């Protein structure tokens, strides 16, 4: 089964993708992970991506698409995959559809995990990380026993720049501008299934699996 997961930052795509991949017995493909792997392995596309990343520039669509094509062409994807973080634009979606068509296959479903902005802000801005051991906490959902201190090592807890409210709002604006058009794109193709991602993660996972007819 070939599935794309859509949803704004903080919607829980990564968590659901890992669990769904386990349930379906197919690879979870995170674009962030395959970017890092391609750069580490020094593939031609990985080297090209690194040039842009080192210069602080966005990696162009053709490089992103090329790296994803390389990954989904590997043998472990022959029975399907869960794509998390790709496509991000309609152009990337067109390129993915063309690649799959050339291979004689297509997407089975696109799961859109919908969460209200105030919930996303609460989820993202509440995250804290231990500066010493990296253990994650959340001020609302998994608070430390002592404010500002790690339960494991006593290290200082801090808020990453990515999780500060101003940055989170910018990330949500970028998502709305670049990625939300994919919702209409996949709806027109009859592939879209929209689910409420504000519920507990196991409930959302069960709903995703039901929507896939599994």
N, C-alpha and C. Protein backbone atom coordinates (compact mmCIF):
# COMPACT_ATOMS: atom_id res chain seq x y z
N UNK A 1 0.85 -1.20 0.00
CA UNK A 1 0.00 0.00 0.00
C UNK A 1 0.88 1.25 0.00
N UNK A 2 0.58 2.19 -0.89
CA UNK A 2 1.37 3.43 -1.03
C UNK A 2 0.54 4.60 -0.51
N UNK A 3 1.01 5.20 0.58
CA UNK A 3 0.23 6.21 1.29
C UNK A 3 1.08 7.46 1.53
N UNK A 4 0.46 8.63 1.35
CA UNK A 4 1.08 9.91 1.70
C UNK A 4 0.36 10.45 2.93
N UNK A 5 1.13 10.95 3.91
CA UNK A 5 0.54 11.62 5.07
C UNK A 5 0.72 13.12 4.94
N UNK A 6 -0.38 13.86 5.02
CA UNK A 6 -0.35 15.32 5.02
C UNK A 6 -0.78 15.83 6.39
N UNK A 7 -0.35 17.05 6.69
CA UNK A 7 -0.76 17.67 7.95
C UNK A 7 0.25 18.73 8.34
N UNK A 8 -0.19 19.75 9.06
CA UNK A 8 0.70 20.84 9.45
C UNK A 8 1.73 20.39 10.49
N UNK A 9 2.77 21.20 10.74
CA UNK A 9 3.71 20.89 11.81
C UNK A 9 2.96 20.71 13.13
N UNK A 10 3.28 19.65 13.85
CA UNK A 10 2.61 19.40 15.13
C UNK A 10 1.38 18.53 15.03
N UNK A 11 1.01 18.13 13.81
CA UNK A 11 -0.21 17.31 13.64
C UNK A 11 0.01 15.86 14.05
N UNK A 12 1.28 15.45 14.18
CA UNK A 12 1.56 14.06 14.58
C UNK A 12 1.84 13.14 13.41
N UNK A 13 2.22 13.72 12.25
CA UNK A 13 2.48 12.88 11.07
C UNK A 13 3.58 11.86 11.32
N UNK A 14 4.68 12.31 11.93
CA UNK A 14 5.81 11.41 12.15
C UNK A 14 5.43 10.23 13.04
N UNK A 15 4.74 10.51 14.13
CA UNK A 15 4.29 9.46 15.05
C UNK A 15 3.39 8.47 14.34
N UNK A 16 2.41 8.99 13.60
CA UNK A 16 1.46 8.11 12.90
C UNK A 16 2.14 7.33 11.78
N UNK A 17 3.09 7.97 11.09
CA UNK A 17 3.77 7.29 9.97
C UNK A 17 4.54 6.07 10.46
N UNK A 18 5.24 6.21 11.59
CA UNK A 18 6.01 5.09 12.13
C UNK A 18 5.08 3.93 12.49
N UNK A 19 3.99 4.24 13.20
CA UNK A 19 3.05 3.19 13.64
C UNK A 19 2.32 2.56 12.46
N UNK A 20 1.94 3.40 11.49
CA UNK A 20 1.23 2.89 10.32
C UNK A 20 2.12 1.98 9.49
N UNK A 21 3.39 2.37 9.34
CA UNK A 21 4.34 1.54 8.59
C UNK A 21 4.48 0.17 9.25
N UNK A 22 4.53 0.16 10.58
CA UNK A 22 4.62 -1.12 11.31
C UNK A 22 3.37 -1.95 11.07
N UNK A 23 2.22 -1.30 11.12
CA UNK A 23 0.94 -2.02 10.97
C UNK A 23 0.79 -2.61 9.57
N UNK A 24 1.27 -1.87 8.56
CA UNK A 24 1.11 -2.32 7.17
C UNK A 24 2.29 -3.14 6.65
N UNK A 25 3.40 -3.13 7.41
CA UNK A 25 4.58 -3.88 6.98
C UNK A 25 5.29 -3.27 5.79
N UNK A 26 5.29 -1.93 5.71
CA UNK A 26 5.99 -1.23 4.62
C UNK A 26 6.91 -0.17 5.24
N UNK A 27 7.90 0.34 4.48
CA UNK A 27 8.82 1.33 5.04
C UNK A 27 8.16 2.68 5.30
N UNK A 28 8.60 3.33 6.38
CA UNK A 28 8.26 4.73 6.65
C UNK A 28 9.35 5.58 6.03
N UNK A 29 8.98 6.44 5.10
CA UNK A 29 9.97 7.26 4.41
C UNK A 29 9.78 8.73 4.80
N UNK A 30 10.70 9.21 5.61
CA UNK A 30 10.70 10.61 6.02
C UNK A 30 11.70 11.35 5.14
N UNK A 31 11.28 12.43 4.51
CA UNK A 31 12.21 13.14 3.61
C UNK A 31 13.41 13.67 4.39
N UNK A 32 13.19 14.09 5.63
CA UNK A 32 14.32 14.55 6.43
C UNK A 32 15.36 13.45 6.61
N UNK A 33 14.88 12.24 6.91
CA UNK A 33 15.79 11.11 7.11
C UNK A 33 16.53 10.74 5.83
N UNK A 34 15.82 10.70 4.69
CA UNK A 34 16.50 10.27 3.46
C UNK A 34 17.45 11.35 2.95
N UNK A 35 17.15 12.61 3.25
CA UNK A 35 18.09 13.69 2.91
C UNK A 35 19.40 13.46 3.66
N UNK A 36 19.28 13.24 4.97
CA UNK A 36 20.50 13.04 5.78
C UNK A 36 21.26 11.81 5.32
N UNK A 37 20.53 10.74 4.96
CA UNK A 37 21.19 9.51 4.51
C UNK A 37 21.89 9.72 3.16
N UNK A 38 21.22 10.43 2.24
CA UNK A 38 21.83 10.67 0.92
C UNK A 38 23.09 11.51 1.05
N UNK A 39 23.06 12.50 1.95
CA UNK A 39 24.24 13.35 2.17
C UNK A 39 25.35 12.51 2.80
N UNK A 40 24.98 11.67 3.78
CA UNK A 40 25.97 10.83 4.47
C UNK A 40 26.63 9.85 3.50
N UNK A 41 25.82 9.27 2.60
CA UNK A 41 26.35 8.28 1.64
C UNK A 41 27.09 8.94 0.49
N UNK A 42 26.91 10.26 0.35
CA UNK A 42 27.61 10.98 -0.72
C UNK A 42 27.12 10.64 -2.11
N UNK A 43 25.81 10.32 -2.25
CA UNK A 43 25.26 10.05 -3.58
C UNK A 43 25.30 11.36 -4.38
N UNK A 44 25.25 11.28 -5.72
CA UNK A 44 25.30 12.51 -6.52
C UNK A 44 24.23 13.52 -6.11
N UNK A 45 23.00 13.04 -5.87
CA UNK A 45 21.94 13.96 -5.46
C UNK A 45 22.17 14.44 -4.03
N UNK A 46 22.72 13.56 -3.19
CA UNK A 46 23.04 13.96 -1.82
C UNK A 46 24.07 15.08 -1.80
N UNK A 47 25.08 14.98 -2.66
CA UNK A 47 26.11 16.03 -2.74
C UNK A 47 25.51 17.35 -3.23
N UNK A 48 24.60 17.22 -4.20
CA UNK A 48 23.95 18.43 -4.73
C UNK A 48 23.09 19.09 -3.65
N UNK A 49 22.34 18.26 -2.90
CA UNK A 49 21.51 18.81 -1.82
C UNK A 49 22.37 19.49 -0.77
N UNK A 50 23.51 18.89 -0.45
CA UNK A 50 24.40 19.44 0.58
C UNK A 50 24.90 20.83 0.20
N UNK A 51 25.16 21.03 -1.10
CA UNK A 51 25.63 22.35 -1.57
C UNK A 51 24.61 23.43 -1.21
N UNK A 52 23.33 23.13 -1.46
CA UNK A 52 22.28 24.11 -1.14
C UNK A 52 22.13 24.29 0.37
N UNK A 53 22.13 23.17 1.09
CA UNK A 53 21.94 23.23 2.53
C UNK A 53 23.08 23.99 3.21
N UNK A 54 24.33 23.76 2.75
CA UNK A 54 25.49 24.44 3.32
C UNK A 54 25.46 25.94 3.04
N UNK A 55 24.77 26.31 1.95
CA UNK A 55 24.66 27.73 1.59
C UNK A 55 23.44 28.39 2.23
N UNK A 56 22.67 27.60 2.99
CA UNK A 56 21.48 28.13 3.65
C UNK A 56 20.32 28.34 2.70
N UNK A 57 20.37 27.66 1.54
CA UNK A 57 19.31 27.81 0.53
C UNK A 57 18.36 26.62 0.58
N UNK A 58 17.12 26.84 0.11
CA UNK A 58 16.16 25.75 -0.01
C UNK A 58 16.61 24.80 -1.12
N UNK A 59 16.46 23.52 -0.87
CA UNK A 59 16.83 22.52 -1.89
C UNK A 59 15.75 22.54 -2.97
N UNK A 60 16.14 22.72 -4.25
CA UNK A 60 15.14 22.80 -5.33
C UNK A 60 14.33 21.52 -5.50
N UNK A 61 13.14 21.68 -6.09
CA UNK A 61 12.23 20.55 -6.29
C UNK A 61 12.90 19.38 -7.01
N UNK A 62 13.69 19.68 -8.05
CA UNK A 62 14.24 18.57 -8.85
C UNK A 62 15.18 17.70 -8.01
N UNK A 63 15.90 18.31 -7.07
CA UNK A 63 16.80 17.54 -6.21
C UNK A 63 15.99 16.73 -5.20
N UNK A 64 14.99 17.37 -4.58
CA UNK A 64 14.13 16.69 -3.61
C UNK A 64 13.45 15.49 -4.27
N UNK A 65 12.86 15.73 -5.44
CA UNK A 65 12.14 14.67 -6.16
C UNK A 65 13.10 13.54 -6.52
N UNK A 66 14.30 13.90 -6.96
CA UNK A 66 15.29 12.89 -7.34
C UNK A 66 15.66 11.99 -6.17
N UNK A 67 15.85 12.59 -5.00
CA UNK A 67 16.22 11.81 -3.81
C UNK A 67 15.07 10.88 -3.40
N UNK A 68 13.83 11.38 -3.47
CA UNK A 68 12.69 10.53 -3.12
C UNK A 68 12.53 9.40 -4.14
N UNK A 69 12.72 9.71 -5.41
CA UNK A 69 12.64 8.65 -6.45
C UNK A 69 13.65 7.55 -6.16
N UNK A 70 14.88 7.94 -5.83
CA UNK A 70 15.91 6.95 -5.51
C UNK A 70 15.44 6.04 -4.38
N UNK A 71 14.86 6.66 -3.34
CA UNK A 71 14.47 5.87 -2.16
C UNK A 71 13.30 4.93 -2.46
N UNK A 72 12.26 5.41 -3.14
CA UNK A 72 11.08 4.56 -3.35
C UNK A 72 11.30 3.53 -4.46
N UNK A 73 12.44 3.64 -5.15
CA UNK A 73 12.78 2.65 -6.17
C UNK A 73 13.53 1.46 -5.58
N UNK A 74 13.88 1.54 -4.28
CA UNK A 74 14.61 0.45 -3.65
C UNK A 74 13.68 -0.74 -3.39
N UNK A 75 14.27 -1.92 -3.27
CA UNK A 75 13.49 -3.16 -3.23
C UNK A 75 12.52 -3.24 -2.05
N UNK A 76 12.87 -2.61 -0.92
CA UNK A 76 11.98 -2.73 0.24
C UNK A 76 10.68 -1.96 0.07
N UNK A 77 10.61 -1.14 -1.00
CA UNK A 77 9.38 -0.38 -1.27
C UNK A 77 8.50 -1.05 -2.32
N UNK A 78 8.86 -2.27 -2.72
CA UNK A 78 8.11 -2.93 -3.80
C UNK A 78 6.66 -3.20 -3.43
N UNK A 79 6.39 -3.35 -2.12
CA UNK A 79 5.00 -3.60 -1.69
C UNK A 79 4.33 -2.36 -1.13
N UNK A 80 5.02 -1.22 -1.18
CA UNK A 80 4.42 0.02 -0.71
C UNK A 80 5.34 0.81 0.20
N UNK A 81 4.81 1.93 0.70
CA UNK A 81 5.58 2.83 1.57
C UNK A 81 4.62 3.84 2.20
N UNK A 82 5.10 4.48 3.28
CA UNK A 82 4.40 5.61 3.89
C UNK A 82 5.28 6.83 3.70
N UNK A 83 4.82 7.81 2.95
CA UNK A 83 5.60 9.03 2.71
C UNK A 83 5.21 10.10 3.72
N UNK A 84 6.21 10.62 4.42
CA UNK A 84 6.01 11.61 5.47
C UNK A 84 6.91 12.81 5.17
N UNK A 85 6.30 13.96 4.81
CA UNK A 85 7.09 15.14 4.49
C UNK A 85 7.29 15.35 3.00
N UNK A 86 6.68 14.51 2.20
CA UNK A 86 6.75 14.64 0.74
C UNK A 86 5.47 14.03 0.17
N UNK A 87 4.86 14.66 -0.83
CA UNK A 87 5.24 15.94 -1.45
C UNK A 87 4.83 17.14 -0.58
N UNK A 88 5.53 18.27 -0.80
CA UNK A 88 5.21 19.51 -0.10
C UNK A 88 4.54 20.53 -1.02
N UNK A 89 4.62 20.31 -2.32
CA UNK A 89 4.04 21.25 -3.28
C UNK A 89 3.31 20.45 -4.36
N UNK A 90 2.45 21.13 -5.11
CA UNK A 90 1.73 20.49 -6.21
C UNK A 90 2.71 19.99 -7.26
N UNK A 91 3.78 20.75 -7.49
CA UNK A 91 4.79 20.34 -8.48
C UNK A 91 5.44 19.02 -8.06
N UNK A 92 5.74 18.89 -6.78
CA UNK A 92 6.32 17.63 -6.30
C UNK A 92 5.31 16.49 -6.41
N UNK A 93 4.03 16.79 -6.17
CA UNK A 93 2.98 15.77 -6.28
C UNK A 93 2.86 15.28 -7.72
N UNK A 94 2.94 16.21 -8.68
CA UNK A 94 2.90 15.83 -10.10
C UNK A 94 4.08 14.92 -10.45
N UNK A 95 5.26 15.27 -9.93
CA UNK A 95 6.47 14.49 -10.22
C UNK A 95 6.36 13.09 -9.61
N UNK A 96 5.80 13.00 -8.41
CA UNK A 96 5.61 11.69 -7.77
C UNK A 96 4.64 10.84 -8.58
N UNK A 97 3.52 11.43 -9.01
CA UNK A 97 2.52 10.69 -9.79
C UNK A 97 3.13 10.18 -11.10
N UNK A 98 3.95 11.02 -11.76
CA UNK A 98 4.58 10.63 -13.02
C UNK A 98 5.56 9.47 -12.80
N UNK A 99 6.32 9.54 -11.70
CA UNK A 99 7.29 8.47 -11.41
C UNK A 99 6.57 7.15 -11.14
N UNK A 100 5.51 7.19 -10.36
CA UNK A 100 4.77 5.96 -10.04
C UNK A 100 4.09 5.40 -11.29
N UNK A 101 3.54 6.29 -12.12
CA UNK A 101 2.89 5.84 -13.35
C UNK A 101 3.89 5.13 -14.26
N UNK A 102 5.10 5.68 -14.34
CA UNK A 102 6.13 5.07 -15.18
C UNK A 102 6.51 3.68 -14.66
N UNK A 103 6.35 3.49 -13.34
CA UNK A 103 6.66 2.18 -12.73
C UNK A 103 5.43 1.26 -12.74
N UNK A 104 4.32 1.75 -13.32
CA UNK A 104 3.11 0.94 -13.42
C UNK A 104 2.31 0.83 -12.15
N UNK A 105 2.43 1.87 -11.29
CA UNK A 105 1.68 1.84 -10.04
C UNK A 105 1.17 3.23 -9.72
N UNK A 106 0.58 3.42 -8.54
CA UNK A 106 0.03 4.72 -8.15
C UNK A 106 -0.19 4.75 -6.64
N UNK A 107 -0.50 5.93 -6.12
CA UNK A 107 -0.83 6.05 -4.70
C UNK A 107 -2.16 5.37 -4.41
N UNK A 108 -2.28 4.79 -3.21
CA UNK A 108 -3.54 4.19 -2.79
C UNK A 108 -4.39 5.18 -2.01
N UNK A 109 -3.74 6.05 -1.23
CA UNK A 109 -4.50 7.00 -0.40
C UNK A 109 -3.60 8.12 0.08
N UNK A 110 -4.24 9.25 0.40
CA UNK A 110 -3.56 10.39 1.03
C UNK A 110 -4.34 10.71 2.29
N UNK A 111 -3.67 10.61 3.43
CA UNK A 111 -4.30 10.86 4.72
C UNK A 111 -3.95 12.28 5.16
N UNK A 112 -4.98 13.11 5.33
CA UNK A 112 -4.79 14.48 5.78
C UNK A 112 -5.17 14.56 7.25
N UNK A 113 -4.15 14.80 8.11
CA UNK A 113 -4.39 14.89 9.55
C UNK A 113 -4.65 16.35 9.90
N UNK A 114 -5.88 16.63 10.29
CA UNK A 114 -6.33 18.00 10.52
C UNK A 114 -6.32 18.32 12.02
N UNK A 115 -5.70 19.44 12.39
CA UNK A 115 -5.63 19.87 13.79
C UNK A 115 -5.77 21.40 13.82
N UNK A 116 -6.59 21.92 14.73
CA UNK A 116 -6.79 23.37 14.83
C UNK A 116 -5.49 24.07 15.24
N UNK A 117 -5.35 25.33 14.79
CA UNK A 117 -4.10 26.06 15.02
C UNK A 117 -3.78 26.23 16.50
N UNK A 118 -4.79 26.49 17.33
CA UNK A 118 -4.50 26.69 18.76
C UNK A 118 -3.95 25.42 19.39
N UNK A 119 -4.40 24.25 18.93
CA UNK A 119 -3.89 22.97 19.44
C UNK A 119 -2.45 22.76 18.97
N UNK A 120 -2.19 23.09 17.70
CA UNK A 120 -0.82 22.96 17.16
C UNK A 120 0.15 23.84 17.95
N UNK A 121 -0.27 25.08 18.22
CA UNK A 121 0.59 26.00 18.97
C UNK A 121 0.88 25.44 20.36
N UNK A 122 -0.13 24.90 21.01
CA UNK A 122 0.06 24.33 22.35
C UNK A 122 1.03 23.15 22.30
N UNK A 123 0.87 22.30 21.29
CA UNK A 123 1.74 21.13 21.15
C UNK A 123 3.20 21.54 20.90
N UNK A 124 3.39 22.47 19.97
CA UNK A 124 4.75 22.80 19.53
C UNK A 124 5.49 23.72 20.49
N UNK A 125 4.80 24.75 20.99
CA UNK A 125 5.50 25.70 21.85
C UNK A 125 5.73 25.15 23.26
N UNK A 126 5.06 24.06 23.61
CA UNK A 126 5.23 23.47 24.93
C UNK A 126 6.39 22.49 25.03
N UNK A 127 7.07 22.22 23.91
CA UNK A 127 8.15 21.24 23.93
C UNK A 127 9.40 21.81 24.59
N UNK A 128 10.05 20.98 25.39
CA UNK A 128 11.33 21.33 26.02
C UNK A 128 12.28 20.15 25.89
N UNK A 129 13.57 20.45 25.80
CA UNK A 129 14.58 19.40 25.61
C UNK A 129 15.70 19.61 26.63
N UNK A 130 16.23 18.51 27.16
CA UNK A 130 17.35 18.60 28.10
C UNK A 130 18.62 18.96 27.35
N UNK A 131 19.28 20.00 27.82
CA UNK A 131 20.51 20.48 27.16
C UNK A 131 21.65 19.47 27.31
N UNK A 132 21.57 18.62 28.34
CA UNK A 132 22.66 17.68 28.60
C UNK A 132 22.47 16.33 27.92
N UNK A 133 21.28 15.72 28.12
CA UNK A 133 21.09 14.36 27.59
C UNK A 133 20.09 14.27 26.44
N UNK A 134 19.41 15.38 26.13
CA UNK A 134 18.50 15.39 24.98
C UNK A 134 17.13 14.82 25.23
N UNK A 135 16.81 14.45 26.47
CA UNK A 135 15.48 13.89 26.77
C UNK A 135 14.39 14.94 26.52
N UNK A 136 13.34 14.59 25.77
CA UNK A 136 12.27 15.55 25.51
C UNK A 136 11.21 15.56 26.61
N UNK A 137 10.65 16.73 26.86
CA UNK A 137 9.53 16.90 27.79
C UNK A 137 8.51 17.82 27.13
N UNK A 138 7.36 17.95 27.78
CA UNK A 138 6.35 18.89 27.31
C UNK A 138 5.69 19.52 28.53
N UNK A 139 5.60 20.84 28.55
CA UNK A 139 5.11 21.53 29.75
C UNK A 139 3.67 21.16 30.08
N UNK A 140 2.88 20.73 29.08
CA UNK A 140 1.48 20.36 29.33
C UNK A 140 1.28 18.85 29.43
N UNK A 141 1.92 18.10 28.54
CA UNK A 141 1.61 16.67 28.40
C UNK A 141 2.57 15.75 29.16
N UNK A 142 3.86 16.07 29.17
CA UNK A 142 4.85 15.25 29.89
C UNK A 142 5.79 16.17 30.64
N UNK A 143 5.27 16.91 31.64
CA UNK A 143 6.11 17.87 32.35
C UNK A 143 7.15 17.19 33.23
N UNK A 144 8.30 17.85 33.44
CA UNK A 144 9.31 17.29 34.37
C UNK A 144 8.81 17.41 35.81
N UNK A 145 9.39 16.62 36.69
CA UNK A 145 8.99 16.69 38.10
C UNK A 145 9.33 18.05 38.71
N UNK A 146 10.46 18.60 38.26
CA UNK A 146 10.88 19.92 38.74
C UNK A 146 10.97 20.86 37.53
N UNK A 147 10.30 21.99 37.60
CA UNK A 147 10.26 22.92 36.46
C UNK A 147 11.67 23.28 36.00
N UNK A 148 11.90 23.10 34.69
CA UNK A 148 13.18 23.51 34.11
C UNK A 148 14.32 22.55 34.27
N UNK A 149 14.06 21.38 34.93
CA UNK A 149 15.14 20.42 35.15
C UNK A 149 14.75 19.04 34.63
N UNK A 150 15.73 18.36 34.03
CA UNK A 150 15.52 17.03 33.48
C UNK A 150 15.36 15.99 34.59
N UNK A 151 14.35 15.11 34.44
CA UNK A 151 14.13 14.05 35.41
C UNK A 151 15.28 13.04 35.43
N UNK A 152 15.94 12.87 34.28
CA UNK A 152 16.97 11.82 34.15
C UNK A 152 18.33 12.25 34.69
N UNK A 153 18.77 13.47 34.30
CA UNK A 153 20.13 13.86 34.66
C UNK A 153 20.21 15.19 35.41
N UNK A 154 19.08 15.85 35.58
CA UNK A 154 19.09 17.13 36.28
C UNK A 154 19.54 18.29 35.43
N UNK A 155 19.74 18.02 34.12
CA UNK A 155 20.20 19.06 33.20
C UNK A 155 19.13 20.12 32.96
N UNK A 156 19.58 21.24 32.40
CA UNK A 156 18.67 22.36 32.11
C UNK A 156 17.77 22.02 30.92
N UNK A 157 16.49 22.31 31.04
CA UNK A 157 15.55 22.15 29.93
C UNK A 157 15.45 23.47 29.19
N UNK A 158 15.44 23.40 27.86
CA UNK A 158 15.35 24.63 27.07
C UNK A 158 14.37 24.44 25.92
N UNK A 159 13.94 25.56 25.36
CA UNK A 159 13.02 25.55 24.22
C UNK A 159 13.82 25.80 22.96
N UNK A 160 13.74 24.88 21.99
CA UNK A 160 14.46 25.05 20.73
C UNK A 160 13.89 26.24 19.97
N UNK A 161 14.74 26.87 19.17
CA UNK A 161 14.29 28.02 18.38
C UNK A 161 13.10 27.66 17.50
N UNK A 162 13.11 26.44 16.96
CA UNK A 162 12.02 25.98 16.09
C UNK A 162 10.68 25.93 16.81
N UNK A 163 10.72 25.83 18.15
CA UNK A 163 9.50 25.67 18.93
C UNK A 163 9.01 26.98 19.55
N UNK A 164 9.69 28.08 19.28
CA UNK A 164 9.24 29.37 19.80
C UNK A 164 8.05 29.85 18.99
N UNK A 165 7.12 30.55 19.66
CA UNK A 165 5.83 30.86 19.03
C UNK A 165 5.97 31.59 17.70
N UNK A 166 6.86 32.56 17.63
CA UNK A 166 7.02 33.32 16.38
C UNK A 166 7.43 32.40 15.23
N UNK A 167 8.37 31.49 15.53
CA UNK A 167 8.84 30.55 14.50
C UNK A 167 7.75 29.57 14.12
N UNK A 168 7.02 29.07 15.12
CA UNK A 168 5.94 28.12 14.85
C UNK A 168 4.88 28.75 13.95
N UNK A 169 4.51 30.00 14.24
CA UNK A 169 3.51 30.68 13.41
C UNK A 169 4.00 30.82 11.97
N UNK A 170 5.30 31.11 11.81
CA UNK A 170 5.87 31.22 10.45
C UNK A 170 5.81 29.87 9.74
N UNK A 171 6.14 28.79 10.47
CA UNK A 171 6.09 27.45 9.88
C UNK A 171 4.67 27.11 9.43
N UNK A 172 3.69 27.50 10.24
CA UNK A 172 2.29 27.23 9.88
C UNK A 172 1.86 28.05 8.66
N UNK A 173 2.38 29.28 8.56
CA UNK A 173 2.07 30.11 7.39
C UNK A 173 2.67 29.52 6.12
N UNK A 174 3.91 29.02 6.23
CA UNK A 174 4.56 28.39 5.07
C UNK A 174 3.77 27.15 4.65
N UNK A 175 3.34 26.36 5.64
CA UNK A 175 2.54 25.17 5.33
C UNK A 175 1.26 25.56 4.59
N UNK A 176 0.58 26.60 5.10
CA UNK A 176 -0.68 27.02 4.48
C UNK A 176 -0.46 27.46 3.04
N UNK A 177 0.63 28.17 2.80
CA UNK A 177 0.90 28.70 1.45
C UNK A 177 1.34 27.61 0.48
N UNK A 178 2.23 26.71 0.94
CA UNK A 178 2.86 25.76 0.02
C UNK A 178 2.18 24.41 -0.03
N UNK A 179 1.72 23.93 1.11
CA UNK A 179 1.29 22.53 1.18
C UNK A 179 -0.21 22.35 1.20
N UNK A 180 -0.96 23.32 1.77
CA UNK A 180 -2.42 23.16 1.81
C UNK A 180 -3.05 22.99 0.43
N UNK A 181 -2.49 23.60 -0.65
CA UNK A 181 -3.07 23.34 -1.98
C UNK A 181 -3.09 21.87 -2.36
N UNK A 182 -2.24 21.06 -1.71
CA UNK A 182 -2.24 19.62 -1.99
C UNK A 182 -3.54 18.96 -1.54
N UNK A 183 -4.20 19.55 -0.55
CA UNK A 183 -5.45 18.97 -0.07
C UNK A 183 -6.49 18.96 -1.19
N UNK A 184 -6.64 20.11 -1.85
CA UNK A 184 -7.58 20.20 -2.99
C UNK A 184 -7.11 19.32 -4.15
N UNK A 185 -5.80 19.29 -4.36
CA UNK A 185 -5.20 18.50 -5.46
C UNK A 185 -5.57 17.02 -5.30
N UNK A 186 -5.38 16.47 -4.11
CA UNK A 186 -5.65 15.04 -3.91
C UNK A 186 -7.14 14.76 -3.74
N UNK A 187 -7.89 15.77 -3.30
CA UNK A 187 -9.34 15.60 -3.22
C UNK A 187 -9.90 15.41 -4.63
N UNK A 188 -9.42 16.22 -5.57
CA UNK A 188 -9.88 16.09 -6.97
C UNK A 188 -9.57 14.71 -7.54
N UNK A 189 -8.49 14.11 -7.07
CA UNK A 189 -8.10 12.79 -7.57
C UNK A 189 -8.82 11.64 -6.84
N UNK A 190 -9.65 12.00 -5.84
CA UNK A 190 -10.39 10.99 -5.10
C UNK A 190 -9.55 10.18 -4.14
N UNK A 191 -8.38 10.70 -3.75
CA UNK A 191 -7.47 9.95 -2.88
C UNK A 191 -7.51 10.42 -1.42
N UNK A 192 -8.08 11.59 -1.18
CA UNK A 192 -7.95 12.24 0.13
C UNK A 192 -8.91 11.68 1.18
N UNK A 193 -8.36 11.44 2.36
CA UNK A 193 -9.15 11.06 3.53
C UNK A 193 -8.71 11.98 4.68
N UNK A 194 -9.61 12.85 5.15
CA UNK A 194 -9.27 13.80 6.20
C UNK A 194 -9.76 13.30 7.55
N UNK A 195 -8.84 13.33 8.54
CA UNK A 195 -9.13 12.80 9.87
C UNK A 195 -8.81 13.84 10.94
N UNK A 196 -9.47 13.73 12.07
CA UNK A 196 -9.25 14.64 13.20
C UNK A 196 -8.03 14.19 13.99
N UNK A 197 -6.94 14.99 13.92
CA UNK A 197 -5.69 14.62 14.58
C UNK A 197 -5.57 15.14 15.99
N UNK A 198 -6.63 15.78 16.53
CA UNK A 198 -6.56 16.33 17.89
C UNK A 198 -6.84 15.25 18.95
N UNK A 199 -7.27 14.09 18.52
CA UNK A 199 -7.58 13.01 19.46
C UNK A 199 -6.30 12.27 19.88
N UNK A 200 -6.38 11.39 20.87
CA UNK A 200 -5.19 10.62 21.28
C UNK A 200 -4.60 9.84 20.11
N UNK A 201 -3.28 9.72 20.08
CA UNK A 201 -2.58 9.09 18.95
C UNK A 201 -3.09 7.69 18.60
N UNK A 202 -3.35 6.80 19.59
CA UNK A 202 -3.84 5.46 19.23
C UNK A 202 -5.21 5.50 18.54
N UNK A 203 -6.06 6.46 18.93
CA UNK A 203 -7.38 6.61 18.31
C UNK A 203 -7.22 7.06 16.85
N UNK A 204 -6.32 8.02 16.64
CA UNK A 204 -6.07 8.51 15.27
C UNK A 204 -5.53 7.37 14.40
N UNK A 205 -4.59 6.59 14.93
CA UNK A 205 -4.03 5.47 14.17
C UNK A 205 -5.11 4.47 13.77
N UNK A 206 -5.97 4.12 14.72
CA UNK A 206 -7.05 3.17 14.42
C UNK A 206 -7.97 3.72 13.33
N UNK A 207 -8.22 5.02 13.37
CA UNK A 207 -9.07 5.66 12.36
C UNK A 207 -8.39 5.62 10.99
N UNK A 208 -7.08 5.87 10.95
CA UNK A 208 -6.34 5.81 9.68
C UNK A 208 -6.43 4.41 9.10
N UNK A 209 -6.19 3.42 9.92
CA UNK A 209 -6.21 2.02 9.43
C UNK A 209 -7.60 1.65 8.92
N UNK A 210 -8.64 2.10 9.63
CA UNK A 210 -10.03 1.85 9.16
C UNK A 210 -10.27 2.52 7.81
N UNK A 211 -9.78 3.77 7.68
CA UNK A 211 -10.02 4.51 6.44
C UNK A 211 -9.33 3.88 5.25
N UNK A 212 -8.29 3.11 5.52
CA UNK A 212 -7.56 2.40 4.45
C UNK A 212 -8.18 1.05 4.14
N UNK A 213 -9.24 0.71 4.88
CA UNK A 213 -9.92 -0.56 4.64
C UNK A 213 -9.17 -1.74 5.20
N UNK A 214 -8.31 -1.47 6.23
CA UNK A 214 -7.54 -2.55 6.84
C UNK A 214 -8.07 -2.87 8.23
